[in-house]
Amino acid sequence: MLKSILKKEITVPENSQLNKTYALLKEVYGPLENLSHKQWSQIERGVKALMKEHGPDIPLESLKAMKHTYDIYHTDKDVALDFMSN
């Protein structure tokens, strides 16, 4: 999924940029094969937005901020849903 998005939008040599992006994602998210479909969908949207802002060289700090925002949103959302169900 992410590979197809990145290939369409990258103007630098695709393989090296794709490998760099996957390495950064692995550093931020850990083993990529453990991610759910929902997480990959969120990552795809985030990477696409970051590429519009930074070009193909996405800063590691931007990916970390993206993950942090996602984690906080889902933690807060889960707490709110748990509260509402009680």
N, C-alpha and C. Protein backbone atom coordinates (compact mmCIF):
# COMPACT_ATOMS: atom_id res chain seq x y z
N MET A 1 0.82 -1.19 0.00
CA MET A 1 0.00 0.00 0.00
C MET A 1 0.87 1.26 0.00
N LEU A 2 1.67 1.42 1.02
CA LEU A 2 2.52 2.60 1.14
C LEU A 2 3.50 2.67 -0.02
N LYS A 3 3.97 1.52 -0.45
CA LYS A 3 4.93 1.47 -1.55
C LYS A 3 4.35 2.10 -2.81
N SER A 4 3.09 1.82 -3.10
CA SER A 4 2.49 2.38 -4.31
C SER A 4 2.32 3.89 -4.20
N ILE A 5 1.97 4.39 -3.04
CA ILE A 5 1.83 5.84 -2.85
C ILE A 5 3.18 6.51 -3.01
N LEU A 6 4.19 5.96 -2.37
CA LEU A 6 5.51 6.56 -2.43
C LEU A 6 6.06 6.54 -3.85
N LYS A 7 5.87 5.46 -4.57
CA LYS A 7 6.39 5.37 -5.93
C LYS A 7 5.77 6.40 -6.85
N LYS A 8 4.50 6.71 -6.65
CA LYS A 8 3.83 7.68 -7.50
C LYS A 8 4.33 9.10 -7.26
N GLU A 9 4.78 9.40 -6.05
CA GLU A 9 5.07 10.78 -5.69
C GLU A 9 6.56 11.09 -5.56
N ILE A 10 7.40 10.10 -5.63
CA ILE A 10 8.83 10.33 -5.42
C ILE A 10 9.50 10.65 -6.75
N THR A 11 10.30 11.71 -6.75
CA THR A 11 11.02 12.06 -7.96
C THR A 11 12.51 11.71 -7.85
N VAL A 12 13.00 11.42 -6.66
CA VAL A 12 14.37 10.96 -6.48
C VAL A 12 14.40 9.47 -6.78
N PRO A 13 15.58 8.87 -6.87
CA PRO A 13 15.60 7.43 -7.15
C PRO A 13 14.69 6.67 -6.19
N GLU A 14 13.71 6.00 -6.76
CA GLU A 14 12.63 5.41 -5.97
C GLU A 14 13.10 4.37 -4.97
N ASN A 15 13.95 3.45 -5.35
CA ASN A 15 14.34 2.39 -4.44
C ASN A 15 15.06 2.92 -3.22
N SER A 16 16.00 3.82 -3.40
CA SER A 16 16.73 4.33 -2.24
C SER A 16 15.83 5.16 -1.33
N GLN A 17 14.93 5.96 -1.91
CA GLN A 17 14.02 6.76 -1.08
C GLN A 17 13.02 5.87 -0.37
N LEU A 18 12.51 4.88 -1.05
CA LEU A 18 11.56 3.95 -0.44
C LEU A 18 12.22 3.20 0.71
N ASN A 19 13.45 2.74 0.50
CA ASN A 19 14.17 2.03 1.56
C ASN A 19 14.41 2.96 2.75
N LYS A 20 14.74 4.21 2.49
CA LYS A 20 14.96 5.17 3.56
C LYS A 20 13.67 5.40 4.35
N THR A 21 12.56 5.55 3.64
CA THR A 21 11.28 5.79 4.31
C THR A 21 10.89 4.58 5.15
N TYR A 22 11.05 3.37 4.61
CA TYR A 22 10.74 2.17 5.38
C TYR A 22 11.64 2.06 6.61
N ALA A 23 12.91 2.42 6.48
CA ALA A 23 13.83 2.37 7.62
C ALA A 23 13.37 3.35 8.71
N LEU A 24 12.95 4.55 8.30
CA LEU A 24 12.45 5.52 9.27
C LEU A 24 11.17 5.03 9.94
N LEU A 25 10.27 4.46 9.14
CA LEU A 25 9.03 3.93 9.71
C LEU A 25 9.32 2.80 10.70
N LYS A 26 10.27 1.96 10.36
CA LYS A 26 10.64 0.85 11.26
C LYS A 26 11.22 1.39 12.56
N GLU A 27 12.00 2.45 12.47
CA GLU A 27 12.58 3.07 13.66
C GLU A 27 11.49 3.64 14.57
N VAL A 28 10.46 4.21 13.97
CA VAL A 28 9.38 4.84 14.74
C VAL A 28 8.36 3.81 15.23
N TYR A 29 7.95 2.88 14.36
CA TYR A 29 6.86 1.96 14.66
C TYR A 29 7.30 0.57 15.10
N GLY A 30 8.58 0.25 14.97
CA GLY A 30 9.04 -1.10 15.29
C GLY A 30 8.80 -2.01 14.10
N PRO A 31 8.68 -3.32 14.33
CA PRO A 31 8.49 -4.25 13.21
C PRO A 31 7.23 -3.92 12.40
N LEU A 32 7.43 -3.59 11.14
CA LEU A 32 6.32 -3.15 10.30
C LEU A 32 5.31 -4.26 10.03
N GLU A 33 5.78 -5.50 10.05
CA GLU A 33 4.86 -6.61 9.77
C GLU A 33 3.83 -6.79 10.89
N ASN A 34 4.04 -6.16 12.04
CA ASN A 34 3.10 -6.27 13.16
C ASN A 34 2.01 -5.21 13.13
N LEU A 35 2.06 -4.30 12.17
CA LEU A 35 1.08 -3.22 12.11
C LEU A 35 -0.24 -3.72 11.55
N SER A 36 -1.32 -3.18 12.08
CA SER A 36 -2.65 -3.55 11.60
C SER A 36 -2.97 -2.79 10.31
N HIS A 37 -4.03 -3.22 9.66
CA HIS A 37 -4.49 -2.53 8.45
C HIS A 37 -4.85 -1.07 8.78
N LYS A 38 -5.46 -0.87 9.92
CA LYS A 38 -5.85 0.48 10.35
C LYS A 38 -4.61 1.36 10.54
N GLN A 39 -3.56 0.80 11.14
CA GLN A 39 -2.33 1.56 11.34
C GLN A 39 -1.69 1.91 10.00
N TRP A 40 -1.67 0.95 9.05
CA TRP A 40 -1.09 1.22 7.73
C TRP A 40 -1.87 2.31 7.03
N SER A 41 -3.18 2.31 7.16
CA SER A 41 -4.00 3.36 6.53
C SER A 41 -3.64 4.72 7.10
N GLN A 42 -3.48 4.78 8.42
CA GLN A 42 -3.10 6.04 9.06
C GLN A 42 -1.71 6.47 8.62
N ILE A 43 -0.79 5.55 8.53
CA ILE A 43 0.58 5.85 8.11
C ILE A 43 0.59 6.37 6.68
N GLU A 44 -0.16 5.73 5.81
CA GLU A 44 -0.23 6.18 4.41
C GLU A 44 -0.71 7.61 4.30
N ARG A 45 -1.78 7.93 5.02
CA ARG A 45 -2.29 9.31 4.99
C ARG A 45 -1.25 10.28 5.54
N GLY A 46 -0.63 9.90 6.63
CA GLY A 46 0.37 10.77 7.25
C GLY A 46 1.59 10.98 6.38
N VAL A 47 2.09 9.91 5.79
CA VAL A 47 3.28 10.02 4.93
C VAL A 47 2.96 10.87 3.71
N LYS A 48 1.79 10.69 3.15
CA LYS A 48 1.40 11.49 1.99
C LYS A 48 1.36 12.98 2.35
N ALA A 49 0.80 13.31 3.52
CA ALA A 49 0.75 14.70 3.97
C ALA A 49 2.15 15.24 4.25
N LEU A 50 2.99 14.43 4.86
CA LEU A 50 4.36 14.88 5.15
C LEU A 50 5.16 15.08 3.88
N MET A 51 4.92 14.27 2.86
CA MET A 51 5.63 14.42 1.59
C MET A 51 5.22 15.73 0.91
N LYS A 52 3.97 16.12 1.07
CA LYS A 52 3.53 17.40 0.50
C LYS A 52 4.24 18.55 1.18
N GLU A 53 4.48 18.39 2.48
CA GLU A 53 5.11 19.46 3.25
C GLU A 53 6.63 19.48 3.10
N HIS A 54 7.25 18.29 3.14
CA HIS A 54 8.72 18.20 3.18
C HIS A 54 9.35 17.66 1.90
N GLY A 55 8.55 17.17 0.97
CA GLY A 55 9.10 16.48 -0.18
C GLY A 55 9.41 15.05 0.23
N PRO A 56 10.19 14.33 -0.57
CA PRO A 56 10.44 12.92 -0.28
C PRO A 56 11.34 12.67 0.94
N ASP A 57 12.06 13.68 1.41
CA ASP A 57 12.93 13.53 2.57
C ASP A 57 12.20 13.91 3.85
N ILE A 58 11.39 13.00 4.34
CA ILE A 58 10.59 13.25 5.54
C ILE A 58 11.50 13.17 6.76
N PRO A 59 11.49 14.19 7.61
CA PRO A 59 12.30 14.15 8.83
C PRO A 59 11.78 13.10 9.82
N LEU A 60 12.70 12.45 10.49
CA LEU A 60 12.35 11.44 11.48
C LEU A 60 11.45 12.05 12.56
N GLU A 61 11.74 13.26 12.98
CA GLU A 61 10.94 13.90 14.02
C GLU A 61 9.48 14.09 13.58
N SER A 62 9.26 14.31 12.30
CA SER A 62 7.89 14.45 11.80
C SER A 62 7.14 13.13 11.90
N LEU A 63 7.82 12.03 11.59
CA LEU A 63 7.18 10.71 11.72
C LEU A 63 6.89 10.39 13.19
N LYS A 64 7.82 10.75 14.07
CA LYS A 64 7.59 10.51 15.50
C LYS A 64 6.41 11.33 15.99
N ALA A 65 6.31 12.57 15.56
CA ALA A 65 5.19 13.42 15.95
C ALA A 65 3.87 12.86 15.42
N MET A 66 3.89 12.35 14.21
CA MET A 66 2.70 11.76 13.61
C MET A 66 2.24 10.56 14.46
N LYS A 67 3.16 9.70 14.84
CA LYS A 67 2.82 8.53 15.65
C LYS A 67 2.32 8.96 17.02
N HIS A 68 2.98 9.93 17.62
CA HIS A 68 2.58 10.41 18.95
C HIS A 68 1.15 10.95 18.92
N THR A 69 0.83 11.73 17.90
CA THR A 69 -0.51 12.28 17.75
C THR A 69 -1.53 11.17 17.60
N TYR A 70 -1.23 10.18 16.78
CA TYR A 70 -2.13 9.05 16.57
C TYR A 70 -2.34 8.28 17.87
N ASP A 71 -1.24 8.03 18.60
CA ASP A 71 -1.32 7.28 19.85
C ASP A 71 -2.16 8.01 20.88
N ILE A 72 -1.98 9.33 21.01
CA ILE A 72 -2.74 10.11 21.98
C ILE A 72 -4.22 10.13 21.59
N TYR A 73 -4.50 10.33 20.32
CA TYR A 73 -5.89 10.37 19.86
C TYR A 73 -6.60 9.07 20.19
N HIS A 74 -5.95 7.95 19.89
CA HIS A 74 -6.62 6.67 20.12
C HIS A 74 -6.70 6.33 21.60
N THR A 75 -5.72 6.74 22.39
CA THR A 75 -5.80 6.51 23.83
C THR A 75 -6.95 7.33 24.42
N ASP A 76 -7.03 8.60 24.07
CA ASP A 76 -8.11 9.45 24.56
C ASP A 76 -9.46 8.96 24.09
N LYS A 77 -9.55 8.54 22.83
CA LYS A 77 -10.80 8.04 22.27
C LYS A 77 -11.24 6.77 23.00
N ASP A 78 -10.30 5.86 23.26
CA ASP A 78 -10.62 4.62 23.96
C ASP A 78 -11.07 4.90 25.39
N VAL A 79 -10.43 5.84 26.07
CA VAL A 79 -10.83 6.20 27.43
C VAL A 79 -12.24 6.77 27.42
N ALA A 80 -12.53 7.63 26.46
CA ALA A 80 -13.87 8.23 26.36
C ALA A 80 -14.91 7.16 26.07
N LEU A 81 -14.61 6.23 25.19
CA LEU A 81 -15.56 5.16 24.88
C LEU A 81 -15.78 4.25 26.09
N ASP A 82 -14.70 3.95 26.82
CA ASP A 82 -14.84 3.12 28.03
C ASP A 82 -15.70 3.82 29.06
N PHE A 83 -15.50 5.12 29.22
CA PHE A 83 -16.28 5.90 30.18
C PHE A 83 -17.77 5.89 29.79
N MET A 84 -18.03 6.07 28.50
CA MET A 84 -19.41 6.12 28.02
C MET A 84 -20.12 4.78 28.17
N SER A 85 -19.36 3.68 28.08
CA SER A 85 -19.98 2.37 28.13
C SER A 85 -20.29 1.94 29.58
N ASN A 86 -19.69 2.63 30.55
CA ASN A 86 -19.92 2.25 31.97
C ASN A 86 -21.16 2.85 32.51
